Amino acid sequence: IMKKLPDAEFEIMKVVWANEPPITSRIIMQQLGNAKGWKAQTVISLLLRLVERGFIRTEKNGKERNYYPLISKEDYLKFETGDFMERFHANSFVSLVNTLYSGKKLSDGDLDQLAKWLEEMRD
């Protein structure tokens, strides 16, 4: 069963998904770790946690370790969105849209696009 990732691990996965596999801890340091002020050991620990959770697999390659995603970004986002909809909106799309609209997060243009999308879904 998939579980929600802590923020730091999700940040690592975003880098993993954004690059052509395999990825190394060095690439993650360059693209994320340095900006976050993480030590290389922190990145390696996060990668190991992601291996334990079944999100990535690892292979030794000389002195380097290569990491490959096992779960796609699309599958994880589907899971996260489904979990969010269930927990906060009782799986109601109307509740979600209503919350976004009353919180001024949706413009009239967004609503027009949504109406168009709904029409296309019906066809």
N, C-alpha and C. Protein backbone atom coordinates (compact mmCIF):
# COMPACT_ATOMS: atom_id res chain seq x y z
N ILE A 1 0.85 -1.20 0.00
CA ILE A 1 0.00 0.00 0.00
C ILE A 1 0.89 1.25 0.00
N MET A 2 0.56 2.18 -0.87
CA MET A 2 1.33 3.42 -0.96
C MET A 2 1.02 4.31 0.24
N LYS A 3 2.05 5.00 0.71
CA LYS A 3 1.86 5.94 1.82
C LYS A 3 2.30 7.33 1.39
N LYS A 4 1.72 8.33 2.02
CA LYS A 4 2.08 9.73 1.78
C LYS A 4 3.53 9.94 2.19
N LEU A 5 4.28 10.63 1.34
CA LEU A 5 5.69 10.89 1.63
C LEU A 5 5.85 12.14 2.49
N PRO A 6 6.80 12.12 3.44
CA PRO A 6 7.15 13.36 4.14
C PRO A 6 7.70 14.37 3.12
N ASP A 7 7.62 15.65 3.44
CA ASP A 7 8.02 16.70 2.49
C ASP A 7 9.42 16.52 1.91
N ALA A 8 10.41 16.23 2.75
CA ALA A 8 11.79 16.12 2.27
C ALA A 8 11.93 14.98 1.25
N GLU A 9 11.27 13.86 1.52
CA GLU A 9 11.34 12.72 0.60
C GLU A 9 10.60 13.03 -0.70
N PHE A 10 9.49 13.76 -0.59
CA PHE A 10 8.76 14.17 -1.79
C PHE A 10 9.63 15.08 -2.66
N GLU A 11 10.38 15.99 -2.02
CA GLU A 11 11.29 16.87 -2.76
C GLU A 11 12.32 16.05 -3.53
N ILE A 12 12.86 15.01 -2.90
CA ILE A 12 13.83 14.12 -3.55
C ILE A 12 13.16 13.42 -4.74
N MET A 13 11.95 12.91 -4.54
CA MET A 13 11.25 12.21 -5.62
C MET A 13 11.01 13.14 -6.80
N LYS A 14 10.70 14.41 -6.54
CA LYS A 14 10.48 15.35 -7.66
C LYS A 14 11.74 15.46 -8.52
N VAL A 15 12.91 15.43 -7.89
CA VAL A 15 14.17 15.46 -8.65
C VAL A 15 14.37 14.14 -9.40
N VAL A 16 14.06 13.03 -8.73
CA VAL A 16 14.18 11.71 -9.38
C VAL A 16 13.30 11.67 -10.63
N TRP A 17 12.06 12.14 -10.52
CA TRP A 17 11.13 12.11 -11.66
C TRP A 17 11.54 13.07 -12.76
N ALA A 18 12.20 14.17 -12.40
CA ALA A 18 12.55 15.19 -13.39
C ALA A 18 13.77 14.81 -14.24
N ASN A 19 14.49 13.78 -13.83
CA ASN A 19 15.70 13.38 -14.53
C ASN A 19 15.55 12.02 -15.19
N GLU A 20 16.33 11.82 -16.26
CA GLU A 20 16.37 10.52 -16.94
C GLU A 20 17.07 9.52 -16.00
N PRO A 21 16.44 8.38 -15.69
CA PRO A 21 17.11 7.44 -14.78
C PRO A 21 18.33 6.78 -15.46
N PRO A 22 19.33 6.37 -14.70
CA PRO A 22 19.41 6.43 -13.24
C PRO A 22 19.87 7.80 -12.76
N ILE A 23 19.61 8.04 -11.48
CA ILE A 23 20.05 9.28 -10.84
C ILE A 23 21.01 8.92 -9.72
N THR A 24 21.91 9.84 -9.36
CA THR A 24 22.86 9.60 -8.27
C THR A 24 22.63 10.63 -7.18
N SER A 25 23.18 10.36 -6.00
CA SER A 25 23.05 11.32 -4.89
C SER A 25 23.75 12.64 -5.25
N ARG A 26 24.78 12.55 -6.09
CA ARG A 26 25.50 13.77 -6.50
C ARG A 26 24.59 14.70 -7.31
N ILE A 27 23.80 14.12 -8.23
CA ILE A 27 22.85 14.91 -9.03
C ILE A 27 21.81 15.57 -8.11
N ILE A 28 21.34 14.81 -7.13
CA ILE A 28 20.33 15.34 -6.20
C ILE A 28 20.93 16.49 -5.38
N MET A 29 22.19 16.35 -4.98
CA MET A 29 22.86 17.44 -4.25
C MET A 29 22.93 18.69 -5.12
N GLN A 30 23.29 18.51 -6.40
CA GLN A 30 23.41 19.65 -7.33
C GLN A 30 22.07 20.32 -7.55
N GLN A 31 21.01 19.53 -7.73
CA GLN A 31 19.72 20.09 -8.11
C GLN A 31 18.83 20.49 -6.93
N LEU A 32 19.16 20.01 -5.72
CA LEU A 32 18.27 20.26 -4.58
C LEU A 32 19.02 20.47 -3.27
N GLY A 33 19.91 19.55 -2.96
CA GLY A 33 20.56 19.51 -1.65
C GLY A 33 21.31 20.78 -1.30
N ASN A 34 22.10 21.30 -2.23
CA ASN A 34 22.88 22.51 -1.96
C ASN A 34 21.97 23.69 -1.63
N ALA A 35 20.90 23.84 -2.41
CA ALA A 35 19.95 24.93 -2.20
C ALA A 35 19.26 24.80 -0.84
N LYS A 36 19.04 23.56 -0.40
CA LYS A 36 18.36 23.31 0.89
C LYS A 36 19.35 23.36 2.06
N GLY A 37 20.66 23.39 1.75
CA GLY A 37 21.66 23.36 2.80
C GLY A 37 21.81 21.98 3.43
N TRP A 38 21.45 20.93 2.67
CA TRP A 38 21.58 19.56 3.17
C TRP A 38 23.00 19.06 2.99
N LYS A 39 23.44 18.18 3.89
CA LYS A 39 24.73 17.49 3.72
C LYS A 39 24.48 16.28 2.81
N ALA A 40 25.54 15.82 2.15
CA ALA A 40 25.42 14.64 1.26
C ALA A 40 24.82 13.46 2.02
N GLN A 41 25.21 13.30 3.29
CA GLN A 41 24.72 12.19 4.11
C GLN A 41 23.20 12.26 4.31
N THR A 42 22.68 13.47 4.39
CA THR A 42 21.22 13.66 4.54
C THR A 42 20.51 13.14 3.29
N VAL A 43 21.05 13.50 2.12
CA VAL A 43 20.45 13.04 0.86
C VAL A 43 20.50 11.52 0.78
N ILE A 44 21.64 10.92 1.15
CA ILE A 44 21.78 9.46 1.10
C ILE A 44 20.77 8.80 2.05
N SER A 45 20.59 9.38 3.25
CA SER A 45 19.61 8.84 4.21
C SER A 45 18.19 8.90 3.64
N LEU A 46 17.86 10.03 3.01
CA LEU A 46 16.52 10.18 2.40
C LEU A 46 16.33 9.17 1.27
N LEU A 47 17.36 8.98 0.47
CA LEU A 47 17.28 8.00 -0.63
C LEU A 47 17.07 6.59 -0.07
N LEU A 48 17.77 6.26 1.01
CA LEU A 48 17.61 4.93 1.62
C LEU A 48 16.19 4.74 2.15
N ARG A 49 15.62 5.79 2.72
CA ARG A 49 14.23 5.70 3.19
C ARG A 49 13.28 5.45 2.03
N LEU A 50 13.55 6.11 0.90
CA LEU A 50 12.71 5.92 -0.29
C LEU A 50 12.85 4.50 -0.85
N VAL A 51 14.05 3.91 -0.72
CA VAL A 51 14.25 2.51 -1.12
C VAL A 51 13.40 1.62 -0.21
N GLU A 52 13.48 1.86 1.11
CA GLU A 52 12.70 1.06 2.08
C GLU A 52 11.20 1.17 1.83
N ARG A 53 10.74 2.33 1.43
CA ARG A 53 9.31 2.55 1.16
C ARG A 53 8.87 1.99 -0.19
N GLY A 54 9.83 1.55 -1.02
CA GLY A 54 9.49 0.98 -2.32
C GLY A 54 9.26 2.00 -3.42
N PHE A 55 9.73 3.24 -3.22
CA PHE A 55 9.57 4.28 -4.25
C PHE A 55 10.69 4.24 -5.29
N ILE A 56 11.88 3.81 -4.85
CA ILE A 56 13.02 3.71 -5.77
C ILE A 56 13.78 2.43 -5.48
N ARG A 57 14.56 2.00 -6.47
CA ARG A 57 15.48 0.88 -6.23
C ARG A 57 16.89 1.39 -6.48
N THR A 58 17.86 0.68 -5.91
CA THR A 58 19.24 1.13 -6.02
C THR A 58 20.14 0.02 -6.54
N GLU A 59 21.16 0.41 -7.26
CA GLU A 59 22.18 -0.52 -7.77
C GLU A 59 23.54 0.10 -7.55
N LYS A 60 24.49 -0.74 -7.13
CA LYS A 60 25.85 -0.26 -6.96
C LYS A 60 26.49 -0.18 -8.33
N ASN A 61 27.22 0.90 -8.58
CA ASN A 61 27.91 1.08 -9.86
C ASN A 61 29.30 1.64 -9.54
N GLY A 62 30.26 0.75 -9.32
CA GLY A 62 31.58 1.18 -8.88
C GLY A 62 31.44 1.80 -7.50
N LYS A 63 31.92 3.03 -7.35
CA LYS A 63 31.81 3.71 -6.05
C LYS A 63 30.46 4.42 -5.90
N GLU A 64 29.79 4.64 -7.01
CA GLU A 64 28.50 5.34 -7.00
C GLU A 64 27.36 4.37 -6.80
N ARG A 65 26.25 4.91 -6.33
CA ARG A 65 25.00 4.15 -6.33
C ARG A 65 24.06 4.82 -7.32
N ASN A 66 23.40 4.01 -8.11
CA ASN A 66 22.39 4.51 -9.04
C ASN A 66 21.01 4.25 -8.45
N TYR A 67 20.10 5.20 -8.68
CA TYR A 67 18.73 5.07 -8.17
C TYR A 67 17.75 5.18 -9.33
N TYR A 68 16.75 4.29 -9.30
CA TYR A 68 15.73 4.24 -10.34
C TYR A 68 14.35 4.34 -9.70
N PRO A 69 13.45 5.15 -10.27
CA PRO A 69 12.09 5.24 -9.69
C PRO A 69 11.32 3.94 -9.92
N LEU A 70 10.57 3.52 -8.92
CA LEU A 70 9.69 2.35 -9.05
C LEU A 70 8.24 2.79 -9.15
N ILE A 71 7.95 4.01 -8.69
CA ILE A 71 6.59 4.55 -8.73
C ILE A 71 6.62 5.82 -9.58
N SER A 72 5.71 5.92 -10.53
CA SER A 72 5.71 7.08 -11.42
C SER A 72 5.11 8.28 -10.70
N LYS A 73 5.46 9.45 -11.20
CA LYS A 73 4.92 10.69 -10.66
C LYS A 73 3.39 10.68 -10.78
N GLU A 74 2.90 10.22 -11.92
CA GLU A 74 1.44 10.19 -12.18
C GLU A 74 0.73 9.33 -11.15
N ASP A 75 1.29 8.14 -10.87
CA ASP A 75 0.66 7.24 -9.90
C ASP A 75 0.66 7.85 -8.50
N TYR A 76 1.78 8.50 -8.14
CA TYR A 76 1.84 9.11 -6.81
C TYR A 76 0.86 10.28 -6.70
N LEU A 77 0.79 11.09 -7.74
CA LEU A 77 -0.12 12.24 -7.70
C LEU A 77 -1.58 11.78 -7.65
N LYS A 78 -1.89 10.69 -8.36
CA LYS A 78 -3.24 10.12 -8.30
C LYS A 78 -3.56 9.69 -6.87
N PHE A 79 -2.58 9.02 -6.24
CA PHE A 79 -2.75 8.57 -4.85
C PHE A 79 -2.95 9.76 -3.91
N GLU A 80 -2.06 10.77 -4.02
CA GLU A 80 -2.12 11.95 -3.14
C GLU A 80 -3.45 12.68 -3.33
N THR A 81 -3.87 12.86 -4.57
CA THR A 81 -5.11 13.58 -4.86
C THR A 81 -6.30 12.81 -4.32
N GLY A 82 -6.30 11.49 -4.52
CA GLY A 82 -7.38 10.65 -4.01
C GLY A 82 -7.47 10.71 -2.50
N ASP A 83 -6.31 10.65 -1.84
CA ASP A 83 -6.23 10.70 -0.38
C ASP A 83 -6.77 12.05 0.12
N PHE A 84 -6.35 13.13 -0.55
CA PHE A 84 -6.79 14.48 -0.19
C PHE A 84 -8.31 14.62 -0.36
N MET A 85 -8.82 14.14 -1.48
CA MET A 85 -10.27 14.25 -1.75
C MET A 85 -11.08 13.48 -0.70
N GLU A 86 -10.57 12.30 -0.33
CA GLU A 86 -11.27 11.48 0.66
C GLU A 86 -11.25 12.15 2.04
N ARG A 87 -10.07 12.62 2.46
CA ARG A 87 -9.92 13.18 3.81
C ARG A 87 -10.62 14.52 3.99
N PHE A 88 -10.54 15.39 2.99
CA PHE A 88 -11.04 16.76 3.17
C PHE A 88 -12.37 17.04 2.48
N HIS A 89 -12.74 16.23 1.51
CA HIS A 89 -13.96 16.54 0.75
C HIS A 89 -14.91 15.35 0.61
N ALA A 90 -14.71 14.31 1.41
CA ALA A 90 -15.58 13.11 1.36
C ALA A 90 -15.79 12.65 -0.09
N ASN A 91 -14.71 12.74 -0.88
CA ASN A 91 -14.72 12.35 -2.30
C ASN A 91 -15.68 13.17 -3.16
N SER A 92 -16.03 14.37 -2.69
CA SER A 92 -16.95 15.22 -3.45
C SER A 92 -16.19 16.27 -4.24
N PHE A 93 -16.30 16.16 -5.57
CA PHE A 93 -15.67 17.13 -6.47
C PHE A 93 -16.31 18.50 -6.28
N VAL A 94 -17.63 18.51 -6.04
CA VAL A 94 -18.37 19.76 -5.83
C VAL A 94 -17.84 20.47 -4.58
N SER A 95 -17.59 19.72 -3.53
CA SER A 95 -17.04 20.29 -2.29
C SER A 95 -15.67 20.93 -2.56
N LEU A 96 -14.83 20.25 -3.32
CA LEU A 96 -13.51 20.78 -3.66
C LEU A 96 -13.63 22.09 -4.44
N VAL A 97 -14.44 22.09 -5.49
CA VAL A 97 -14.60 23.28 -6.34
C VAL A 97 -15.19 24.43 -5.53
N ASN A 98 -16.16 24.11 -4.69
CA ASN A 98 -16.79 25.12 -3.84
C ASN A 98 -15.78 25.77 -2.89
N THR A 99 -14.91 24.95 -2.29
CA THR A 99 -13.88 25.46 -1.38
C THR A 99 -12.91 26.36 -2.13
N LEU A 100 -12.50 25.92 -3.31
CA LEU A 100 -11.57 26.72 -4.11
C LEU A 100 -12.22 28.04 -4.53
N TYR A 101 -13.50 27.96 -4.89
CA TYR A 101 -14.20 29.17 -5.35
C TYR A 101 -14.41 30.16 -4.20
N SER A 102 -14.87 29.68 -3.06
CA SER A 102 -15.12 30.59 -1.94
C SER A 102 -13.82 31.13 -1.36
N GLY A 103 -12.72 30.42 -1.58
CA GLY A 103 -11.41 30.91 -1.13
C GLY A 103 -10.73 31.77 -2.17
N LYS A 104 -11.47 32.15 -3.22
CA LYS A 104 -10.98 33.02 -4.30
C LYS A 104 -9.77 32.42 -5.05
N LYS A 105 -9.72 31.06 -5.07
CA LYS A 105 -8.62 30.40 -5.77
C LYS A 105 -9.01 30.06 -7.21
N LEU A 106 -10.28 30.24 -7.53
CA LEU A 106 -10.76 29.97 -8.89
C LEU A 106 -11.28 31.26 -9.50
N SER A 107 -10.84 31.54 -10.71
CA SER A 107 -11.33 32.73 -11.41
C SER A 107 -12.52 32.33 -12.29
N ASP A 108 -13.20 33.33 -12.85
CA ASP A 108 -14.29 33.03 -13.79
C ASP A 108 -13.75 32.26 -14.99
N GLY A 109 -12.53 32.60 -15.41
CA GLY A 109 -11.89 31.88 -16.52
C GLY A 109 -11.69 30.41 -16.19
N ASP A 110 -11.28 30.13 -14.94
CA ASP A 110 -11.11 28.75 -14.48
C ASP A 110 -12.45 28.01 -14.55
N LEU A 111 -13.51 28.71 -14.11
CA LEU A 111 -14.84 28.08 -14.13
C LEU A 111 -15.30 27.80 -15.56
N ASP A 112 -15.00 28.72 -16.48
CA ASP A 112 -15.33 28.50 -17.90
C ASP A 112 -14.60 27.26 -18.41
N GLN A 113 -13.31 27.16 -18.07
CA GLN A 113 -12.52 25.99 -18.50
C GLN A 113 -13.08 24.71 -17.91
N LEU A 114 -13.48 24.79 -16.65
CA LEU A 114 -14.05 23.63 -15.97
C LEU A 114 -15.35 23.20 -16.63
N ALA A 115 -16.20 24.17 -16.98
CA ALA A 115 -17.47 23.87 -17.65
C ALA A 115 -17.19 23.19 -19.00
N LYS A 116 -16.19 23.70 -19.73
CA LYS A 116 -15.82 23.12 -21.02
C LYS A 116 -15.32 21.68 -20.84
N TRP A 117 -14.49 21.50 -19.81
CA TRP A 117 -13.95 20.16 -19.51
C TRP A 117 -15.08 19.19 -19.19
N LEU A 118 -16.07 19.65 -18.38
CA LEU A 118 -17.19 18.80 -18.02
C LEU A 118 -18.02 18.40 -19.25
N GLU A 119 -18.19 19.34 -20.16
CA GLU A 119 -18.91 19.06 -21.41
C GLU A 119 -18.18 17.97 -22.21
N GLU A 120 -16.85 18.12 -22.30
CA GLU A 120 -16.05 17.12 -23.04
C GLU A 120 -16.11 15.75 -22.38
N MET A 121 -16.16 15.71 -21.05
CA MET A 121 -16.23 14.45 -20.32
C MET A 121 -17.54 13.73 -20.61
N ARG A 122 -18.60 14.51 -20.86
CA ARG A 122 -19.92 13.94 -21.12
C ARG A 122 -19.99 13.28 -22.49
N ASP A 123 -19.28 13.85 -23.46
CA ASP A 123 -19.38 13.36 -24.85
C ASP A 123 -18.84 11.95 -25.01
